[in-house]
Amino acid sequence: MDAILLAILNEKRKQNSREKIRRRILRDNSNILDLPDTIFHGNFRLSKDAFLYVLREIEPFIITSSIPSIQKLAATLRFLAEGSYQRSIGNDLDIALARPTVCKIIEEVLNVLQSKLCNKWIKLQMTETEQQDSKRFFLENYGIPGVIGCVDGTHVKIVKPHGEDSNLYYNRKGYHSLNVLLICDYKMKIRSVDATHPGASHDSLIWSMSDARHHFWEQYQSGQRGSWLLGDAGFALESFVLTPYRFSQSGTNQSNFNRRHASARNVIERTNGNLKTRFRCLLNTLYYSPQKAVKIVNVCCALHNICKEFNLDMQCESRIEQNDSDTEEDASENFPEEAALIRDSIAQTMFS
């Protein structure tokens, strides 16, 4: 009996060794850059030029091993694009990596991508030219002056976390998630991302504690006026955040303002859809701790902006998550009088 078990174990070791050799041969004899452009973009969501740019940025910080940096980056991008390395990467002939290896690679590359790309590609501060271009876009297309961007929350599914606070991640839709606060500009570039809050948190609560709100509050306090974000009814009206009227009668200035406001806010909804369509790991459930899921979200946002910079627009955009905030409870009506006057003035001048 012992001899049979030993023989089985030896055969298993030989199979594993042969599989490692097979994968190594596949990797050594394949070059992902030889893929046709359309297939390359479909697999990794970046063009070859954008891929090589990212590779140059992170390669000095990738641990040297038998697996080249180009393969490590490709495996990570493949995961972000599909959301399931078990299905897409383990048997991918162009990557040819075992699942445990892929798991380690993803952890390593995510850490490097977050530290080297996120701060560089996700910037809340806008130049004067960027602000004027944004204001012109929203005024000419929607008739609302002074708008420099839009803010909204979107949910990213995660597996139920371990620990007593797991209920904090259980959102109103009936699943565990991160509630991710995003700010985008008129070009659908992501200007700010905060993915650190559990799914049960309300958009207005996340916004009130965010660095982004502190940034706009400080600007307002320093005397900067005439610039604001568009937010839905889940946010409180502020002197730098325009929200729709809670109650409005058809045909009134308030009703017309709400209609224009909703149309203009479509920019953030399209940004959410574009982000999740491009990196479908954000549409699937992330089977990781909340801390690692935050990294994944941050990296996807930075890569999204790189795609925009390289003019890599998606052919279609997801509409799955556009109603994330539609069922949020409205924020409190206790808003500053000055903010109400600003909104009333805009509503009146828009249709005078």
Protein backbone atom coordinates (compact mmCIF):
# COMPACT_ATOMS: atom_id res chain seq x y z
CA MET A 1 0.00 0.00 0.00
CA ASP A 2 2.80 2.41 0.88
CA ALA A 3 4.52 1.61 -2.39
CA ILE A 4 1.35 2.47 -4.34
CA LEU A 5 0.95 5.81 -2.54
CA LEU A 6 4.61 6.61 -3.13
CA ALA A 7 4.24 5.82 -6.81
CA ILE A 8 1.18 8.07 -7.06
CA LEU A 9 3.00 10.93 -5.33
CA ASN A 10 6.01 10.52 -7.60
CA GLU A 11 3.79 10.59 -10.68
CA LYS A 12 2.06 13.71 -9.39
CA ARG A 13 5.43 15.42 -8.91
CA LYS A 14 6.44 14.48 -12.43
CA GLN A 15 3.18 15.90 -13.81
CA ASN A 16 3.69 19.16 -11.93
CA SER A 17 7.26 19.37 -13.18
CA ARG A 18 6.15 18.74 -16.77
CA GLU A 19 3.44 21.40 -16.43
CA LYS A 20 5.97 23.95 -15.14
CA ILE A 21 8.26 23.19 -18.06
CA ARG A 22 5.34 23.46 -20.51
CA ARG A 23 4.35 26.85 -19.14
CA ARG A 24 7.95 28.06 -19.20
CA ILE A 25 8.30 27.00 -22.85
CA LEU A 26 5.06 28.76 -23.74
CA ARG A 27 6.21 31.96 -22.04
CA ASP A 28 9.66 31.84 -23.60
CA ASN A 29 8.25 31.31 -27.08
CA SER A 30 5.47 33.87 -26.99
CA ASN A 31 5.49 37.64 -27.16
CA ILE A 32 2.27 39.37 -26.23
CA LEU A 33 3.29 42.39 -28.29
CA ASP A 34 2.96 40.20 -31.39
CA LEU A 35 -0.78 39.95 -30.82
CA PRO A 36 -2.99 41.88 -33.28
CA ASP A 37 -3.88 45.33 -31.94
CA THR A 38 -7.59 44.56 -31.49
CA ILE A 39 -6.93 41.35 -29.58
CA PHE A 40 -4.25 43.05 -27.47
CA HIS A 41 -6.63 45.85 -26.53
CA GLY A 42 -9.41 43.37 -25.80
CA ASN A 43 -7.19 41.31 -23.51
CA PHE A 44 -5.42 44.09 -21.62
CA ARG A 45 -7.63 47.18 -22.21
CA LEU A 46 -4.56 49.22 -23.15
CA SER A 47 -3.03 49.88 -26.53
CA LYS A 48 0.51 48.63 -27.02
CA ASP A 49 1.83 52.18 -26.62
CA ALA A 50 -0.08 52.65 -23.35
CA PHE A 51 1.02 49.20 -22.14
CA LEU A 52 4.68 50.00 -22.82
CA TYR A 53 4.31 53.35 -21.05
CA VAL A 54 2.96 51.64 -17.92
CA LEU A 55 5.67 49.00 -18.14
CA ARG A 56 8.40 51.65 -18.26
CA GLU A 57 6.89 53.37 -15.22
CA ILE A 58 6.79 50.28 -13.01
CA GLU A 59 9.56 47.99 -14.29
CA PRO A 60 12.33 49.44 -12.07
CA PHE A 61 10.21 48.56 -9.02
CA ILE A 62 9.22 45.01 -9.99
CA ILE A 63 11.11 42.21 -8.25
CA THR A 64 13.47 40.43 -10.64
CA SER A 65 12.54 36.78 -11.12
CA SER A 66 12.25 34.08 -13.78
CA ILE A 67 8.98 35.71 -14.87
CA PRO A 68 9.64 38.88 -16.92
CA SER A 69 8.02 42.14 -15.89
CA ILE A 70 6.09 42.26 -19.14
CA GLN A 71 4.40 38.97 -18.23
CA LYS A 72 3.63 40.18 -14.72
CA LEU A 73 1.99 43.34 -16.01
CA ALA A 74 0.07 41.39 -18.65
CA ALA A 75 -1.26 38.94 -16.06
CA THR A 76 -2.41 41.78 -13.78
CA LEU A 77 -4.11 43.70 -16.59
CA ARG A 78 -5.79 40.50 -17.78
CA PHE A 79 -7.22 40.01 -14.32
CA LEU A 80 -8.44 43.60 -14.09
CA ALA A 81 -10.01 43.32 -17.54
CA GLU A 82 -11.83 40.06 -16.86
CA GLY A 83 -12.07 39.81 -13.08
CA SER A 84 -11.27 36.09 -12.92
CA TYR A 85 -7.69 34.89 -13.24
CA GLN A 86 -8.87 31.28 -12.75
CA ARG A 87 -10.74 31.44 -16.03
CA SER A 88 -8.74 33.90 -18.07
CA ILE A 89 -5.11 33.71 -17.02
CA GLY A 90 -4.18 30.28 -15.75
CA ASN A 91 -4.65 28.73 -19.19
CA ASP A 92 -3.82 31.80 -21.27
CA LEU A 93 -1.27 30.69 -23.84
CA ASP A 94 0.23 34.18 -24.05
CA ILE A 95 0.78 34.38 -20.29
CA ALA A 96 0.93 30.73 -19.19
CA LEU A 97 1.11 31.07 -15.43
CA ALA A 98 -0.19 28.85 -12.67
CA ARG A 99 -2.95 30.22 -10.44
CA PRO A 100 -0.86 30.52 -7.25
CA THR A 101 1.81 32.35 -9.24
CA VAL A 102 -0.77 34.70 -10.72
CA CYS A 103 -2.11 35.49 -7.26
CA LYS A 104 1.35 36.51 -6.03
CA ILE A 105 2.03 38.51 -9.19
CA ILE A 106 -1.22 40.44 -8.91
CA GLU A 107 -0.41 41.41 -5.32
CA GLU A 108 3.08 42.58 -6.27
CA VAL A 109 2.07 44.53 -9.38
CA LEU A 110 -0.99 46.13 -7.76
CA ASN A 111 1.21 47.55 -5.01
CA VAL A 112 3.61 49.04 -7.55
CA LEU A 113 0.85 50.39 -9.78
CA GLN A 114 -0.85 52.08 -6.84
CA SER A 115 2.33 53.67 -5.51
CA LYS A 116 3.69 54.82 -8.87
CA LEU A 117 0.63 55.66 -10.96
CA CYS A 118 -2.31 56.70 -8.78
CA ASN A 119 -0.99 60.02 -7.47
CA LYS A 120 0.39 60.86 -10.90
CA TRP A 121 -2.80 60.14 -12.84
CA ILE A 122 -5.57 61.01 -10.38
CA LYS A 123 -5.35 64.71 -9.55
CA LEU A 124 -8.12 66.80 -8.02
CA GLN A 125 -6.35 70.11 -8.54
CA MET A 126 -7.33 71.65 -11.90
CA THR A 127 -5.45 74.29 -13.83
CA GLU A 128 -7.22 77.54 -14.69
CA THR A 129 -7.45 76.40 -18.32
CA GLU A 130 -8.98 73.07 -17.31
CA GLN A 131 -11.56 74.82 -15.17
CA GLN A 132 -12.52 77.24 -17.94
CA ASP A 133 -12.79 74.43 -20.49
CA SER A 134 -15.06 72.49 -18.15
CA LYS A 135 -17.26 75.49 -17.40
CA ARG A 136 -17.58 76.21 -21.12
CA PHE A 137 -18.55 72.59 -21.84
CA PHE A 138 -21.32 72.44 -19.24
CA LEU A 139 -22.62 75.89 -20.10
CA GLU A 140 -22.76 75.29 -23.85
CA ASN A 141 -24.22 71.78 -23.58
CA TYR A 142 -26.51 72.06 -20.55
CA GLY A 143 -26.88 75.76 -19.81
CA ILE A 144 -25.45 75.49 -16.28
CA PRO A 145 -22.61 77.94 -15.53
CA GLY A 146 -19.58 77.36 -13.31
CA VAL A 147 -19.52 73.54 -13.35
CA ILE A 148 -16.05 72.00 -13.09
CA GLY A 149 -17.07 68.38 -12.51
CA CYS A 150 -19.53 65.85 -11.10
CA VAL A 151 -19.51 63.76 -7.94
CA ASP A 152 -21.25 60.47 -7.21
CA GLY A 153 -20.94 57.17 -5.37
CA THR A 154 -20.86 53.74 -7.00
CA HIS A 155 -20.82 50.29 -5.41
CA VAL A 156 -18.17 47.64 -6.05
CA LYS A 157 -19.09 44.15 -4.89
CA ILE A 158 -16.77 42.33 -2.51
CA VAL A 159 -16.97 39.01 -0.70
CA LYS A 160 -18.26 39.20 2.88
CA PRO A 161 -15.32 40.38 4.99
CA HIS A 162 -14.20 38.52 8.07
CA GLY A 163 -14.73 40.14 11.44
CA GLU A 164 -17.45 41.78 13.47
CA ASP A 165 -17.74 44.82 11.19
CA SER A 166 -18.76 42.81 8.11
CA ASN A 167 -22.31 44.16 8.44
CA LEU A 168 -20.96 47.63 7.66
CA TYR A 169 -20.25 46.43 4.12
CA TYR A 170 -23.78 45.12 3.54
CA ASN A 171 -25.46 47.76 1.41
CA ARG A 172 -29.09 48.64 0.77
CA LYS A 173 -29.10 46.53 -2.42
CA GLY A 174 -28.49 43.35 -0.48
CA TYR A 175 -24.83 42.57 -1.06
CA HIS A 176 -21.45 43.43 0.44
CA SER A 177 -19.59 46.25 -1.23
CA LEU A 178 -17.36 49.27 -1.12
CA ASN A 179 -19.14 52.56 -1.71
CA VAL A 180 -16.70 54.37 -3.98
CA LEU A 181 -16.85 58.16 -4.19
CA LEU A 182 -15.79 59.46 -7.61
CA ILE A 183 -15.33 62.94 -9.03
CA CYS A 184 -14.92 63.31 -12.78
CA ASP A 185 -14.42 66.19 -15.18
CA TYR A 186 -16.22 66.85 -18.45
CA LYS A 187 -13.77 64.61 -20.35
CA MET A 188 -14.77 61.69 -18.09
CA LYS A 189 -11.36 61.63 -16.44
CA ILE A 190 -11.47 60.64 -12.79
CA ARG A 191 -10.26 63.52 -10.63
CA SER A 192 -10.72 61.91 -7.25
CA VAL A 193 -11.48 58.44 -5.89
CA ASP A 194 -12.20 57.37 -2.32
CA ALA A 195 -12.85 53.63 -2.07
CA THR A 196 -12.13 53.25 1.64
CA HIS A 197 -15.72 53.26 2.90
CA PRO A 198 -18.01 50.24 3.41
CA GLY A 199 -21.13 49.78 1.33
CA ALA A 200 -23.58 50.72 4.08
CA SER A 201 -22.16 54.25 4.21
CA HIS A 202 -24.30 56.99 2.68
CA ASP A 203 -22.86 59.11 -0.13
CA SER A 204 -23.35 62.29 1.87
CA LEU A 205 -21.47 60.85 4.87
CA ILE A 206 -18.54 59.78 2.71
CA TRP A 207 -18.47 63.18 1.03
CA SER A 208 -18.57 65.05 4.33
CA MET A 209 -15.44 63.21 5.55
CA SER A 210 -13.57 63.21 2.24
CA ASP A 211 -10.34 64.99 1.40
CA ALA A 212 -12.07 66.19 -1.77
CA ARG A 213 -14.72 68.12 0.14
CA HIS A 214 -12.03 69.59 2.38
CA HIS A 215 -10.20 70.71 -0.77
CA PHE A 216 -13.24 72.52 -2.19
CA TRP A 217 -14.16 73.95 1.20
CA GLU A 218 -10.70 75.45 1.61
CA GLN A 219 -10.87 76.92 -1.88
CA TYR A 220 -14.24 78.48 -1.09
CA GLN A 221 -13.01 79.84 2.23
CA SER A 222 -10.02 81.39 0.48
CA GLY A 223 -12.36 83.46 -1.67
CA GLN A 224 -12.68 81.34 -4.80
CA ARG A 225 -16.26 81.62 -6.06
CA GLY A 226 -18.24 80.62 -9.10
CA SER A 227 -17.09 76.99 -9.35
CA TRP A 228 -19.06 73.94 -8.28
CA LEU A 229 -19.62 70.24 -8.67
CA LEU A 230 -22.90 68.64 -9.65
CA GLY A 231 -24.25 66.06 -7.19
CA ASP A 232 -27.53 64.19 -6.95
CA ALA A 233 -30.06 64.40 -4.11
CA GLY A 234 -27.90 62.07 -2.02
CA PHE A 235 -25.59 65.02 -1.40
CA ALA A 236 -26.29 68.16 0.58
CA LEU A 237 -26.54 71.45 -1.26
CA GLU A 238 -23.43 73.53 -0.62
CA SER A 239 -21.90 76.65 -2.05
CA PHE A 240 -19.60 74.43 -4.14
CA VAL A 241 -22.00 71.50 -4.75
CA LEU A 242 -25.16 71.99 -6.80
CA THR A 243 -27.91 69.46 -6.20
CA PRO A 244 -31.44 69.25 -7.68
CA TYR A 245 -34.48 70.74 -6.01
CA ARG A 246 -36.22 68.28 -3.71
CA PHE A 247 -39.71 69.29 -4.78
CA SER A 248 -40.54 71.04 -8.05
CA GLN A 249 -43.66 71.53 -10.14
CA SER A 250 -43.66 70.82 -13.85
CA GLY A 251 -42.94 73.86 -15.99
CA THR A 252 -41.27 75.89 -13.23
CA ASN A 253 -37.71 77.13 -13.21
CA GLN A 254 -36.95 74.55 -10.53
CA SER A 255 -38.29 71.70 -12.68
CA ASN A 256 -36.37 72.90 -15.73
CA PHE A 257 -33.21 73.23 -13.64
CA ASN A 258 -33.62 69.65 -12.40
CA ARG A 259 -33.98 68.38 -15.95
CA ARG A 260 -30.82 70.16 -17.12
CA HIS A 261 -29.01 69.08 -13.95
CA ALA A 262 -29.88 65.40 -14.54
CA SER A 263 -28.67 65.61 -18.14
CA ALA A 264 -25.39 67.20 -17.11
CA ARG A 265 -24.81 64.60 -14.38
CA ASN A 266 -24.92 61.93 -17.08
CA VAL A 267 -21.19 62.59 -17.39
CA ILE A 268 -20.43 60.89 -14.05
CA GLU A 269 -22.84 58.05 -14.83
CA ARG A 270 -21.09 57.43 -18.13
CA THR A 271 -17.73 57.59 -16.36
CA ASN A 272 -18.85 54.92 -13.88
CA GLY A 273 -20.14 52.76 -16.72
CA ASN A 274 -17.02 53.26 -18.81
CA LEU A 275 -14.75 52.39 -15.89
CA LYS A 276 -16.59 49.17 -15.08
CA THR A 277 -16.99 48.11 -18.69
CA ARG A 278 -13.28 48.54 -19.29
CA PHE A 279 -12.20 46.80 -16.07
CA ARG A 280 -14.83 44.16 -15.52
CA CYS A 281 -13.33 43.03 -12.22
CA LEU A 282 -15.34 45.98 -10.84
CA LEU A 283 -18.56 44.45 -12.17
CA ASN A 284 -17.84 41.04 -10.66
CA THR A 285 -17.43 40.22 -6.98
CA LEU A 286 -13.91 40.89 -5.71
CA TYR A 287 -12.91 37.91 -3.56
CA TYR A 288 -10.40 39.86 -1.54
CA SER A 289 -10.20 41.77 1.70
CA PRO A 290 -11.61 45.32 1.63
CA GLN A 291 -8.05 46.66 1.82
CA LYS A 292 -6.98 44.83 -1.34
CA ALA A 293 -10.24 45.70 -3.07
CA VAL A 294 -9.46 49.38 -2.43
CA LYS A 295 -6.12 48.94 -4.22
CA ILE A 296 -7.85 47.34 -7.18
CA VAL A 297 -10.33 50.21 -7.46
CA ASN A 298 -7.59 52.84 -7.21
CA VAL A 299 -5.44 51.17 -9.86
CA CYS A 300 -8.40 50.76 -12.22
CA CYS A 301 -9.15 54.48 -11.90
CA ALA A 302 -5.55 55.43 -12.72
CA LEU A 303 -5.51 53.06 -15.70
CA HIS A 304 -8.85 54.47 -16.84
CA ASN A 305 -7.28 57.94 -16.98
CA ILE A 306 -4.30 56.58 -18.90
CA CYS A 307 -6.74 55.07 -21.39
CA LYS A 308 -8.42 58.46 -21.77
CA GLU A 309 -5.02 60.12 -22.30
CA PHE A 310 -4.21 57.62 -25.04
CA ASN A 311 -7.69 58.11 -26.58
CA LEU A 312 -8.73 54.52 -25.89
CA ASP A 313 -12.48 54.91 -25.60
CA MET A 314 -14.71 51.90 -25.07
CA GLN A 315 -17.01 50.90 -27.89
CA CYS A 316 -19.87 50.50 -25.44
CA GLU A 317 -20.51 51.64 -21.90
CA SER A 318 -22.10 49.70 -19.08
CA ARG A 319 -25.43 50.96 -17.78
CA ILE A 320 -25.56 48.43 -14.97
CA GLU A 321 -24.51 50.75 -12.15
CA GLN A 322 -26.04 54.02 -13.24
CA ASN A 323 -28.78 53.88 -10.62
CA ASP A 324 -26.46 53.41 -7.66
CA SER A 325 -27.51 56.64 -6.05
CA ASP A 326 -31.09 56.81 -7.31
CA THR A 327 -32.38 54.94 -4.28
CA GLU A 328 -30.19 56.70 -1.74
CA GLU A 329 -32.09 58.60 0.89
CA ASP A 330 -32.02 62.31 0.16
CA ALA A 331 -29.51 64.33 2.11
CA SER A 332 -30.68 66.71 4.79
CA GLU A 333 -32.32 69.94 3.66
CA ASN A 334 -30.35 71.92 6.24
CA PHE A 335 -28.16 73.67 3.69
CA PRO A 336 -26.56 77.12 3.85
CA GLU A 337 -28.78 79.99 2.75
CA GLU A 338 -26.02 81.21 0.47
CA ALA A 339 -26.03 77.89 -1.39
CA ALA A 340 -29.81 78.10 -1.88
CA LEU A 341 -29.46 81.62 -3.26
CA ILE A 342 -26.79 80.49 -5.71
CA ARG A 343 -28.98 77.67 -7.01
CA ASP A 344 -32.07 79.91 -7.25
CA SER A 345 -30.09 82.52 -9.15
CA ILE A 346 -28.82 79.94 -11.64
CA ALA A 347 -32.30 78.47 -12.12
CA GLN A 348 -33.78 81.90 -12.79
CA THR A 349 -31.08 83.11 -15.19
CA MET A 350 -31.11 79.84 -17.13
CA PHE A 351 -34.68 80.40 -18.26
CA SER A 352 -35.08 84.16 -18.13
